[in-house]
Amino acid sequence: QVQLVESGGGLVQPGGSLRLSCAASGFTFSRSFMSWYRQAPGKEREFVADITRTGETTNYADSVKGRFTISRDNAKNMVYLQMNILKPEDTAVYYCKLSQPDFWGQGTQVTVSS
């Protein structure tokens, strides 16, 4: 049974940092392409970042490039999203996603506010 469990969200001030984690189980993680998405209130879910199976290649949305870093630990079946220089517009529920087959975690709330 595929499971993706996100953690690490919370309330942070503008300019602050958070590290999101996604614990994966029920599939061969090291062979899987992983992504982070987010959904702000009243908006559609949008792509944030993705990472190839080995972690050699990453891609980012323009809105987070230079501030966010996606990484993975295949030995621990974990994928991470380090978020720096957070802005109020980064406020959203952040989701971990497995590709092929597509599967979503339950999400973790990130709120950036003073």
Protein backbone atom coordinates (compact mmCIF):
# COMPACT_ATOMS: atom_id res chain seq x y z
CA GLN A 1 0.00 0.00 0.00
CA VAL A 2 1.48 3.29 -1.14
CA GLN A 3 1.84 5.93 1.57
CA LEU A 4 3.26 9.45 1.48
CA VAL A 5 3.30 11.32 4.78
CA GLU A 6 4.34 14.96 4.80
CA SER A 7 5.55 16.82 7.88
CA GLY A 8 7.39 19.96 8.85
CA GLY A 9 4.82 22.60 8.04
CA GLY A 10 3.90 25.42 10.36
CA LEU A 11 3.77 29.16 10.90
CA VAL A 12 6.86 31.17 10.02
CA GLN A 13 7.62 34.85 9.63
CA PRO A 14 8.51 36.34 6.26
CA GLY A 15 12.17 35.74 5.52
CA GLY A 16 12.22 32.59 7.61
CA SER A 17 12.87 28.97 6.72
CA LEU A 18 11.15 25.62 6.96
CA ARG A 19 12.11 22.12 5.95
CA LEU A 20 9.35 19.82 4.76
CA SER A 21 9.76 16.06 4.82
CA CYS A 22 7.88 13.32 3.01
CA ALA A 23 8.14 9.74 4.25
CA ALA A 24 7.41 7.19 1.52
CA SER A 25 6.46 3.54 1.80
CA GLY A 26 4.74 0.79 -0.14
CA PHE A 27 6.71 1.17 -3.36
CA THR A 28 10.28 1.13 -4.66
CA PHE A 29 11.25 4.65 -3.70
CA SER A 30 14.69 4.63 -5.33
CA ARG A 31 13.06 3.98 -8.72
CA SER A 32 10.50 6.74 -8.36
CA PHE A 33 10.33 10.30 -9.62
CA MET A 34 9.14 12.58 -6.83
CA SER A 35 7.67 16.08 -6.71
CA TRP A 36 6.36 18.76 -4.41
CA TYR A 37 3.24 20.74 -5.24
CA ARG A 38 1.29 23.37 -3.32
CA GLN A 39 -2.21 24.74 -3.21
CA ALA A 40 -3.08 28.15 -1.83
CA PRO A 41 -6.63 29.03 -0.72
CA GLY A 42 -8.85 29.66 -3.72
CA LYS A 43 -6.16 28.66 -6.20
CA GLU A 44 -5.33 25.58 -8.23
CA ARG A 45 -2.63 23.17 -7.14
CA GLU A 46 0.70 24.17 -8.67
CA PHE A 47 4.07 22.59 -9.28
CA VAL A 48 6.89 23.54 -6.91
CA ALA A 49 9.82 21.20 -7.56
CA ASP A 50 10.75 17.72 -8.71
CA ILE A 51 13.70 15.36 -8.48
CA THR A 52 14.85 12.38 -10.49
CA ARG A 53 15.35 8.89 -9.08
CA THR A 54 19.01 9.39 -8.25
CA GLY A 55 18.64 13.01 -7.22
CA GLU A 56 21.02 14.19 -9.93
CA THR A 57 18.48 16.42 -11.65
CA THR A 58 16.03 18.84 -10.08
CA ASN A 59 13.54 21.33 -11.48
CA TYR A 60 11.82 24.28 -9.84
CA ALA A 61 8.97 26.63 -10.47
CA ASP A 62 10.21 30.11 -11.30
CA SER A 63 8.50 31.48 -8.19
CA VAL A 64 10.68 29.41 -5.85
CA LYS A 65 13.93 29.11 -7.83
CA GLY A 66 16.91 30.16 -5.73
CA ARG A 67 14.94 29.93 -2.47
CA PHE A 68 13.76 26.30 -2.31
CA THR A 69 15.82 23.12 -2.58
CA ILE A 70 14.43 19.64 -3.16
CA SER A 71 16.47 16.62 -2.12
CA ARG A 72 16.04 12.95 -1.35
CA ASP A 73 17.56 10.16 0.72
CA ASN A 74 16.92 6.84 -1.01
CA ALA A 75 18.31 4.91 1.95
CA LYS A 76 15.61 6.40 4.18
CA ASN A 77 12.81 6.64 1.60
CA MET A 78 12.54 10.36 2.23
CA VAL A 79 12.16 13.44 0.07
CA TYR A 80 12.67 16.93 1.44
CA LEU A 81 11.90 20.52 0.55
CA GLN A 82 14.13 23.14 2.15
CA MET A 83 12.37 26.49 1.94
CA ASN A 84 14.33 29.68 2.61
CA ILE A 85 13.48 33.37 2.38
CA LEU A 86 9.82 32.53 2.72
CA LYS A 87 7.24 35.03 1.52
CA PRO A 88 3.56 35.44 2.39
CA GLU A 89 2.70 34.21 -1.11
CA ASP A 90 4.32 30.87 -0.24
CA THR A 91 1.42 30.21 2.13
CA ALA A 92 -0.26 27.00 0.98
CA VAL A 93 -0.80 23.35 1.68
CA TYR A 94 2.27 21.52 0.38
CA TYR A 95 1.89 18.05 -1.12
CA CYS A 96 4.37 15.32 -1.86
CA LYS A 97 3.66 13.45 -5.11
CA LEU A 98 4.75 10.12 -6.56
CA SER A 99 4.73 9.83 -10.34
CA GLN A 100 3.75 6.72 -12.29
CA PRO A 101 1.42 5.83 -10.79
CA ASP A 102 0.36 9.24 -9.55
CA PHE A 103 -0.20 9.34 -5.79
CA TRP A 104 -0.50 12.25 -3.40
CA GLY A 105 0.19 12.69 0.26
CA GLN A 106 -2.29 14.35 2.59
CA GLY A 107 -0.42 17.65 2.64
CA THR A 108 1.12 19.89 5.28
CA GLN A 109 0.14 23.50 5.90
CA VAL A 110 2.73 26.25 5.54
CA THR A 111 1.73 29.74 6.67
CA VAL A 112 4.05 32.70 6.18
CA SER A 113 2.87 35.67 8.20
CA SER A 114 4.10 38.27 10.64
